[in-house]
Amino acid sequence: MQSKVLSLVLSCSLLVSSATLVAQSATADSSIPVYTPTVTNEGLVTSIGSDSMGTLLTSWVSSYQKVQPKIQIQVSSRGSASAPAALLEGTADIGPMTRPLKENESKNFMLKYGFEPTQINTAFAAAYVTVNASSPYTTISFTDLEKMFSAKPQRSTTATDNQFVAVVLNADAPAVQFFKQQVLLQQDWNKKVKFVTSAADFEASLKASPRAVGISDTRGLNLVGMKTLPVSKSASDQAIKADADTIFSLSYPLARSMSIYFVKTPGEKIDASTKDFMSYVLSSQGQEIVVAQGLIPLTADRVATERAKLE
C-alpha cells in the first residue's frame, strides 16, 4: 500500500513539473495588463540589434501598428553587438540583445553617460531536449548532444553510442539557434539530423525509436509519451531541469533572455514613443506574440517589474 502511495505521489510530482512547462508554452499570464491606446503615437522609433530577435521585433511592430497606425518603427537586425554601439552613437532608440552587456560595453556607457543603459527583459528562449518515455537517457550533456547533432564535434568524448536518432523541430527558431551556438559551437548540423517543422512530425519521430533525441523550443513540449531531459554543460556538471525557476534565472544551460536596452537618464523620462511601444511589448498582446513564437513569456510579476523601469 505504501509503495502505491509513493508511486502516486511521484506521478503527481512529475505532472506538476510538466504543468509548469505547459503553462509557459500555452498562453500569456492572464493578469498581465492589456494595452489600450491613451494617445495617438505619431513618433519614430529606431531599433538596431539582435538578429535572433528580428522576427519577434517585426511581429511586435506589425501588431502594434494596427492599434497605432501613425507610428514609424524601423527595425535593423544586425546582431546583438550592434545594439550597444548604436545606442552610444545615438542612431537607435532601442537595442535588442540576447546576451548581457560585456564589460567593455558597460565601461563605454559609463564613460559617455555616467550610467549604464536600462535593460528590459521581454521574453526568454529555451531549447528543450525531449526523448521517448522509454528512452534509456535520464540526463544529457553538451558533449553527448554535440556528438549527436554536430557534423564536426569539437569536444572530446569516449561515448560509443551511435544508435541515436537526432531530430530538430523548427531549426530557425531562436531557441534552436541558441542550441546550435552553445552546443554545436556554430558548426554545421550532422547530416543524420532529421529536420521537421510540425509538432506532429516531431512527436512521430521521437515515438519511432527509444534512442531518438529531439531539440525544440516550447512548441515541442506537451507531447504524449515523452519526457524532457535535464541538461549539463559537461558530464561532470550537475544536470539542470528546465522549469520556470531555472529558465528565468538562466541556470538552465540552454536558456537565454530576450532583452531590449535603451538609454534613460536617472530621474528623467524616456521618449514617449519608445515608452508607448515598450508598454505594448510588456502587455498581454505583446506577450501572446512571445508565446506564438515558441518563446517563454514573462509572468505578471515580472512584467510589473520591467514596466516600472519605464517610469
Protein backbone atom coordinates (compact mmCIF):
# COMPACT_ATOMS: atom_id res chain seq x y z
CA MET A 1 0.00 0.00 0.00
CA GLN A 2 2.84 2.37 0.93
CA SER A 3 4.59 1.72 -2.41
CA LYS A 4 1.34 2.53 -4.28
CA VAL A 5 1.00 5.79 -2.38
CA LEU A 6 4.64 6.65 -3.08
CA SER A 7 4.15 5.84 -6.77
CA LEU A 8 1.09 8.11 -6.89
CA VAL A 9 2.99 10.94 -5.18
CA LEU A 10 5.87 10.64 -7.63
CA SER A 11 3.47 10.59 -10.58
CA CYS A 12 1.72 13.71 -9.30
CA SER A 13 5.09 15.40 -8.82
CA LEU A 14 6.03 14.69 -12.43
CA LEU A 15 2.68 16.01 -13.62
CA VAL A 16 3.14 19.24 -11.65
CA SER A 17 6.62 19.67 -13.15
CA SER A 18 5.25 19.10 -16.64
CA ALA A 19 2.40 21.51 -15.93
CA THR A 20 4.93 24.25 -15.25
CA LEU A 21 6.37 23.83 -18.73
CA VAL A 22 2.88 23.54 -20.20
CA ALA A 23 1.80 26.80 -18.58
CA GLN A 24 4.83 28.55 -20.02
CA SER A 25 4.05 27.46 -23.57
CA ALA A 26 0.25 27.60 -23.60
CA THR A 27 -0.65 31.23 -23.03
CA ALA A 28 0.46 34.51 -21.53
CA ASP A 29 -0.37 35.24 -17.89
CA SER A 30 -3.97 36.47 -17.82
CA SER A 31 -3.04 39.01 -15.12
CA ILE A 32 -0.78 40.97 -17.48
CA PRO A 33 -2.37 44.33 -18.37
CA VAL A 34 -4.00 44.71 -21.78
CA TYR A 35 -2.56 47.50 -23.92
CA THR A 36 -5.12 50.23 -24.57
CA PRO A 37 -4.05 53.34 -26.53
CA THR A 38 -4.48 56.53 -24.50
CA VAL A 39 -2.85 58.88 -27.03
CA THR A 40 -2.02 58.69 -30.73
CA ASN A 41 1.63 57.77 -31.18
CA GLU A 42 2.98 59.66 -34.21
CA GLY A 43 6.67 59.33 -33.35
CA LEU A 44 9.62 57.43 -34.79
CA VAL A 45 11.37 54.57 -33.00
CA THR A 46 14.58 53.03 -34.37
CA SER A 47 15.66 49.54 -33.29
CA ILE A 48 19.15 48.19 -34.00
CA GLY A 49 20.37 44.93 -32.52
CA SER A 50 19.91 41.17 -32.25
CA ASP A 51 19.23 39.18 -35.39
CA SER A 52 17.81 36.39 -33.20
CA MET A 53 15.10 38.80 -32.06
CA GLY A 54 14.42 40.12 -35.55
CA THR A 55 11.27 38.09 -36.18
CA LEU A 56 9.95 38.84 -32.69
CA LEU A 57 10.56 42.60 -33.11
CA THR A 58 8.91 42.60 -36.52
CA SER A 59 5.86 40.79 -35.13
CA TRP A 60 5.56 43.25 -32.23
CA VAL A 61 5.85 46.18 -34.62
CA SER A 62 3.27 44.80 -37.05
CA SER A 63 0.76 44.15 -34.28
CA TYR A 64 1.44 47.47 -32.54
CA GLN A 65 0.93 49.42 -35.75
CA LYS A 66 -2.59 48.02 -36.04
CA VAL A 67 -3.55 50.00 -32.93
CA GLN A 68 -1.08 52.84 -33.51
CA PRO A 69 -1.09 53.21 -37.33
CA LYS A 70 0.74 56.56 -37.33
CA ILE A 71 3.85 55.32 -35.53
CA GLN A 72 7.01 54.71 -37.57
CA ILE A 73 9.31 51.96 -36.34
CA GLN A 74 12.50 50.99 -38.15
CA VAL A 75 14.00 47.60 -37.31
CA SER A 76 17.57 46.64 -38.26
CA SER A 77 18.66 43.17 -37.11
CA ARG A 78 22.46 43.20 -37.35
CA GLY A 79 23.32 41.18 -34.25
CA SER A 80 23.49 41.88 -30.51
CA ALA A 81 26.93 43.50 -30.79
CA SER A 82 25.43 46.30 -32.90
CA ALA A 83 22.99 47.39 -30.17
CA PRO A 84 25.42 48.99 -27.65
CA ALA A 85 27.28 50.81 -30.43
CA ALA A 86 24.04 52.19 -31.92
CA LEU A 87 22.80 53.36 -28.52
CA LEU A 88 26.13 55.06 -27.82
CA GLU A 89 26.13 56.73 -31.23
CA GLY A 90 22.52 57.84 -30.82
CA THR A 91 21.43 56.10 -34.03
CA ALA A 92 18.99 53.81 -32.19
CA ASP A 93 16.28 54.35 -29.59
CA ILE A 94 16.21 50.72 -28.52
CA GLY A 95 18.76 47.91 -28.79
CA PRO A 96 17.50 44.29 -28.70
CA MET A 97 20.06 41.87 -27.27
CA THR A 98 20.14 38.18 -26.37
CA ARG A 99 23.11 38.48 -24.03
CA PRO A 100 24.23 40.75 -21.18
CA LEU A 101 26.46 43.74 -21.89
CA LYS A 102 30.14 42.87 -21.98
CA GLU A 103 32.49 44.60 -19.55
CA ASN A 104 33.93 46.92 -22.19
CA GLU A 105 30.43 47.81 -23.43
CA SER A 106 29.33 48.77 -19.93
CA LYS A 107 32.53 50.76 -19.47
CA ASN A 108 31.83 52.72 -22.67
CA PHE A 109 28.40 53.73 -21.38
CA MET A 110 29.84 54.78 -18.05
CA LEU A 111 32.47 56.90 -19.81
CA LYS A 112 29.92 58.65 -22.02
CA TYR A 113 26.84 58.91 -19.81
CA GLY A 114 27.96 58.09 -16.30
CA PHE A 115 25.41 55.27 -16.12
CA GLU A 116 24.60 52.01 -17.90
CA PRO A 117 21.65 51.57 -20.29
CA THR A 118 18.35 50.29 -18.94
CA GLN A 119 17.69 46.62 -19.63
CA ILE A 120 14.12 45.40 -20.13
CA ASN A 121 13.61 41.64 -20.10
CA THR A 122 10.88 41.00 -22.67
CA ALA A 123 10.88 37.19 -23.01
CA PHE A 124 13.02 34.10 -22.56
CA ALA A 125 14.14 31.46 -25.03
CA ALA A 126 14.92 27.87 -24.07
CA ALA A 127 15.88 24.80 -26.07
CA TYR A 128 14.45 21.57 -24.68
CA VAL A 129 15.86 18.07 -25.08
CA THR A 130 12.97 15.65 -25.47
CA VAL A 131 13.06 11.86 -25.68
CA ASN A 132 10.72 8.90 -25.79
CA ALA A 133 9.48 7.95 -22.31
CA SER A 134 11.14 4.55 -22.79
CA SER A 135 14.49 6.15 -23.64
CA PRO A 136 17.50 4.98 -21.62
CA TYR A 137 18.62 8.61 -21.28
CA THR A 138 17.84 10.25 -17.93
CA THR A 139 20.14 13.28 -18.28
CA ILE A 140 22.33 14.54 -21.10
CA SER A 141 25.41 16.74 -21.51
CA PHE A 142 26.57 19.22 -24.15
CA THR A 143 29.26 16.70 -25.09
CA ASP A 144 26.70 13.96 -25.80
CA LEU A 145 24.45 16.36 -27.68
CA GLU A 146 27.33 17.67 -29.78
CA LYS A 147 28.25 14.12 -30.78
CA MET A 148 24.67 13.52 -31.92
CA PHE A 149 23.90 16.80 -33.67
CA SER A 150 27.21 18.24 -34.91
CA ALA A 151 28.90 17.50 -38.22
CA LYS A 152 32.25 18.25 -36.60
CA PRO A 153 32.30 17.76 -32.80
CA GLN A 154 34.86 19.93 -31.02
CA ARG A 155 34.66 18.36 -27.57
CA SER A 156 36.48 15.10 -26.87
CA THR A 157 34.33 12.17 -25.79
CA THR A 158 34.68 8.47 -25.12
CA ALA A 159 30.99 7.82 -25.80
CA THR A 160 30.39 4.90 -28.17
CA ASP A 161 26.59 5.11 -28.59
CA ASN A 162 25.97 5.50 -32.33
CA GLN A 163 22.41 4.19 -32.35
CA PHE A 164 20.76 7.54 -31.60
CA VAL A 165 18.29 9.33 -33.88
CA ALA A 166 18.65 13.13 -33.85
CA VAL A 167 15.57 15.27 -34.54
CA VAL A 168 15.19 19.05 -34.70
CA LEU A 169 11.91 20.98 -34.69
CA ASN A 170 11.97 24.44 -36.30
CA ALA A 171 15.71 24.79 -36.91
CA ASP A 172 15.43 28.55 -37.45
CA ALA A 173 13.74 29.20 -34.09
CA PRO A 174 15.76 31.48 -31.73
CA ALA A 175 15.98 28.78 -29.04
CA VAL A 176 17.25 26.18 -31.52
CA GLN A 177 19.75 28.64 -32.96
CA PHE A 178 20.99 29.22 -29.40
CA PHE A 179 21.37 25.45 -29.04
CA LYS A 180 23.47 25.43 -32.21
CA GLN A 181 25.62 28.25 -30.87
CA GLN A 182 26.19 26.75 -27.43
CA VAL A 183 26.31 23.02 -28.18
CA LEU A 184 27.49 22.79 -31.79
CA LEU A 185 29.79 25.81 -31.34
CA GLN A 186 28.38 27.12 -34.64
CA GLN A 187 29.48 24.03 -36.58
CA ASP A 188 27.15 22.58 -39.24
CA TRP A 189 24.42 20.13 -38.34
CA ASN A 190 25.19 16.41 -38.60
CA LYS A 191 23.90 15.05 -41.92
CA LYS A 192 21.96 12.41 -39.97
CA VAL A 193 19.80 15.03 -38.23
CA LYS A 194 16.14 14.88 -39.20
CA PHE A 195 14.55 18.32 -39.51
CA VAL A 196 10.80 18.73 -39.04
CA THR A 197 8.52 21.75 -38.94
CA SER A 198 5.46 20.47 -37.09
CA ALA A 199 4.93 19.18 -33.57
CA ALA A 200 3.09 16.16 -35.01
CA ASP A 201 6.12 15.12 -37.09
CA PHE A 202 8.42 15.80 -34.13
CA GLU A 203 6.31 13.56 -31.91
CA ALA A 204 6.14 10.80 -34.52
CA SER A 205 9.91 10.86 -34.99
CA LEU A 206 10.53 10.54 -31.24
CA LYS A 207 7.96 7.76 -30.86
CA ALA A 208 9.58 5.77 -33.65
CA SER A 209 12.70 4.98 -31.61
CA PRO A 210 13.62 4.85 -27.91
CA ARG A 211 17.06 6.15 -28.99
CA ALA A 212 15.60 9.30 -30.58
CA VAL A 213 16.65 12.66 -29.11
CA GLY A 214 14.79 15.82 -30.10
CA ILE A 215 15.62 19.52 -29.84
CA SER A 216 12.89 22.16 -29.87
CA ASP A 217 11.53 25.34 -28.33
CA THR A 218 8.24 25.34 -26.38
CA ARG A 219 6.37 24.13 -29.47
CA GLY A 220 7.89 20.69 -28.93
CA LEU A 221 6.59 20.33 -25.36
CA ASN A 222 3.41 18.63 -24.16
CA LEU A 223 3.82 15.53 -26.28
CA VAL A 224 2.21 12.33 -25.04
CA GLY A 225 4.65 9.61 -24.03
CA MET A 226 7.66 11.92 -23.97
CA LYS A 227 9.99 13.26 -21.29
CA THR A 228 12.25 16.30 -21.15
CA LEU A 229 15.83 15.69 -20.02
CA PRO A 230 17.88 17.75 -17.54
CA VAL A 231 20.97 19.15 -19.29
CA SER A 232 24.55 19.78 -18.16
CA LYS A 233 27.43 21.55 -19.90
CA SER A 234 29.78 18.64 -19.17
CA ALA A 235 29.44 15.13 -17.83
CA SER A 236 30.96 16.25 -14.51
CA ASP A 237 28.44 19.09 -14.01
CA GLN A 238 25.06 18.71 -12.37
CA ALA A 239 22.29 18.33 -14.96
CA ILE A 240 19.70 21.11 -14.67
CA LYS A 241 15.99 20.54 -15.28
CA ALA A 242 14.20 23.12 -17.42
CA ASP A 243 11.48 24.82 -15.38
CA ALA A 244 10.32 28.36 -14.67
CA ASP A 245 12.91 28.97 -11.95
CA THR A 246 15.93 27.65 -13.87
CA ILE A 247 14.92 29.39 -17.10
CA PHE A 248 14.22 32.81 -15.56
CA SER A 249 17.44 32.58 -13.53
CA LEU A 250 19.32 31.35 -16.62
CA SER A 251 20.79 28.47 -14.61
CA TYR A 252 19.34 26.07 -17.20
CA PRO A 253 22.24 25.99 -19.70
CA LEU A 254 20.05 26.23 -22.81
CA ALA A 255 18.10 29.32 -21.73
CA ARG A 256 18.70 32.98 -22.52
CA SER A 257 16.96 36.29 -22.04
CA MET A 258 15.49 38.31 -24.91
CA SER A 259 16.12 41.89 -23.75
CA ILE A 260 15.73 45.42 -25.05
CA TYR A 261 18.14 48.14 -23.92
CA PHE A 262 17.71 51.90 -24.09
CA VAL A 263 19.41 54.98 -22.67
CA LYS A 264 17.48 56.53 -19.79
CA THR A 265 18.98 59.26 -17.65
CA PRO A 266 18.19 58.51 -13.98
CA GLY A 267 15.29 60.65 -12.79
CA GLU A 268 14.25 61.66 -16.31
CA LYS A 269 11.51 60.32 -18.59
CA ILE A 270 12.25 58.35 -21.73
CA ASP A 271 10.93 59.32 -25.16
CA ALA A 272 7.12 59.00 -25.17
CA SER A 273 7.04 57.00 -28.42
CA THR A 274 9.59 54.50 -27.12
CA LYS A 275 7.77 54.18 -23.82
CA ASP A 276 4.43 53.50 -25.50
CA PHE A 277 5.90 50.83 -27.76
CA MET A 278 7.65 49.17 -24.82
CA SER A 279 4.36 49.25 -22.90
CA TYR A 280 2.86 47.26 -25.76
CA VAL A 281 5.70 44.72 -25.66
CA LEU A 282 5.03 44.31 -21.93
CA SER A 283 1.27 43.93 -22.39
CA SER A 284 -0.99 40.91 -22.71
CA GLN A 285 -0.98 41.31 -26.50
CA GLY A 286 2.80 41.61 -26.64
CA GLN A 287 3.35 38.53 -24.51
CA GLU A 288 0.89 36.47 -26.55
CA ILE A 289 3.15 37.16 -29.54
CA VAL A 290 6.04 35.78 -27.47
CA VAL A 291 4.08 32.56 -26.89
CA ALA A 292 3.18 32.21 -30.58
CA GLN A 293 6.86 32.22 -31.49
CA GLY A 294 7.79 29.34 -29.19
CA LEU A 295 9.34 31.64 -26.60
CA ILE A 296 8.60 31.89 -22.88
CA PRO A 297 6.52 34.89 -21.74
CA LEU A 298 7.02 36.85 -18.57
CA THR A 299 4.83 36.32 -15.53
CA ALA A 300 2.61 39.20 -14.41
CA ASP A 301 5.00 39.94 -11.53
CA ARG A 302 7.96 40.12 -13.88
CA VAL A 303 6.02 42.35 -16.27
CA ALA A 304 5.29 44.74 -13.38
CA THR A 305 8.99 44.83 -12.51
CA GLU A 306 10.01 45.59 -16.10
CA ARG A 307 7.27 48.18 -16.63
CA ALA A 308 8.48 50.06 -13.56
CA LYS A 309 11.80 50.65 -15.37
CA LEU A 310 9.93 52.72 -17.98
CA GLU A 311 8.96 55.36 -15.41
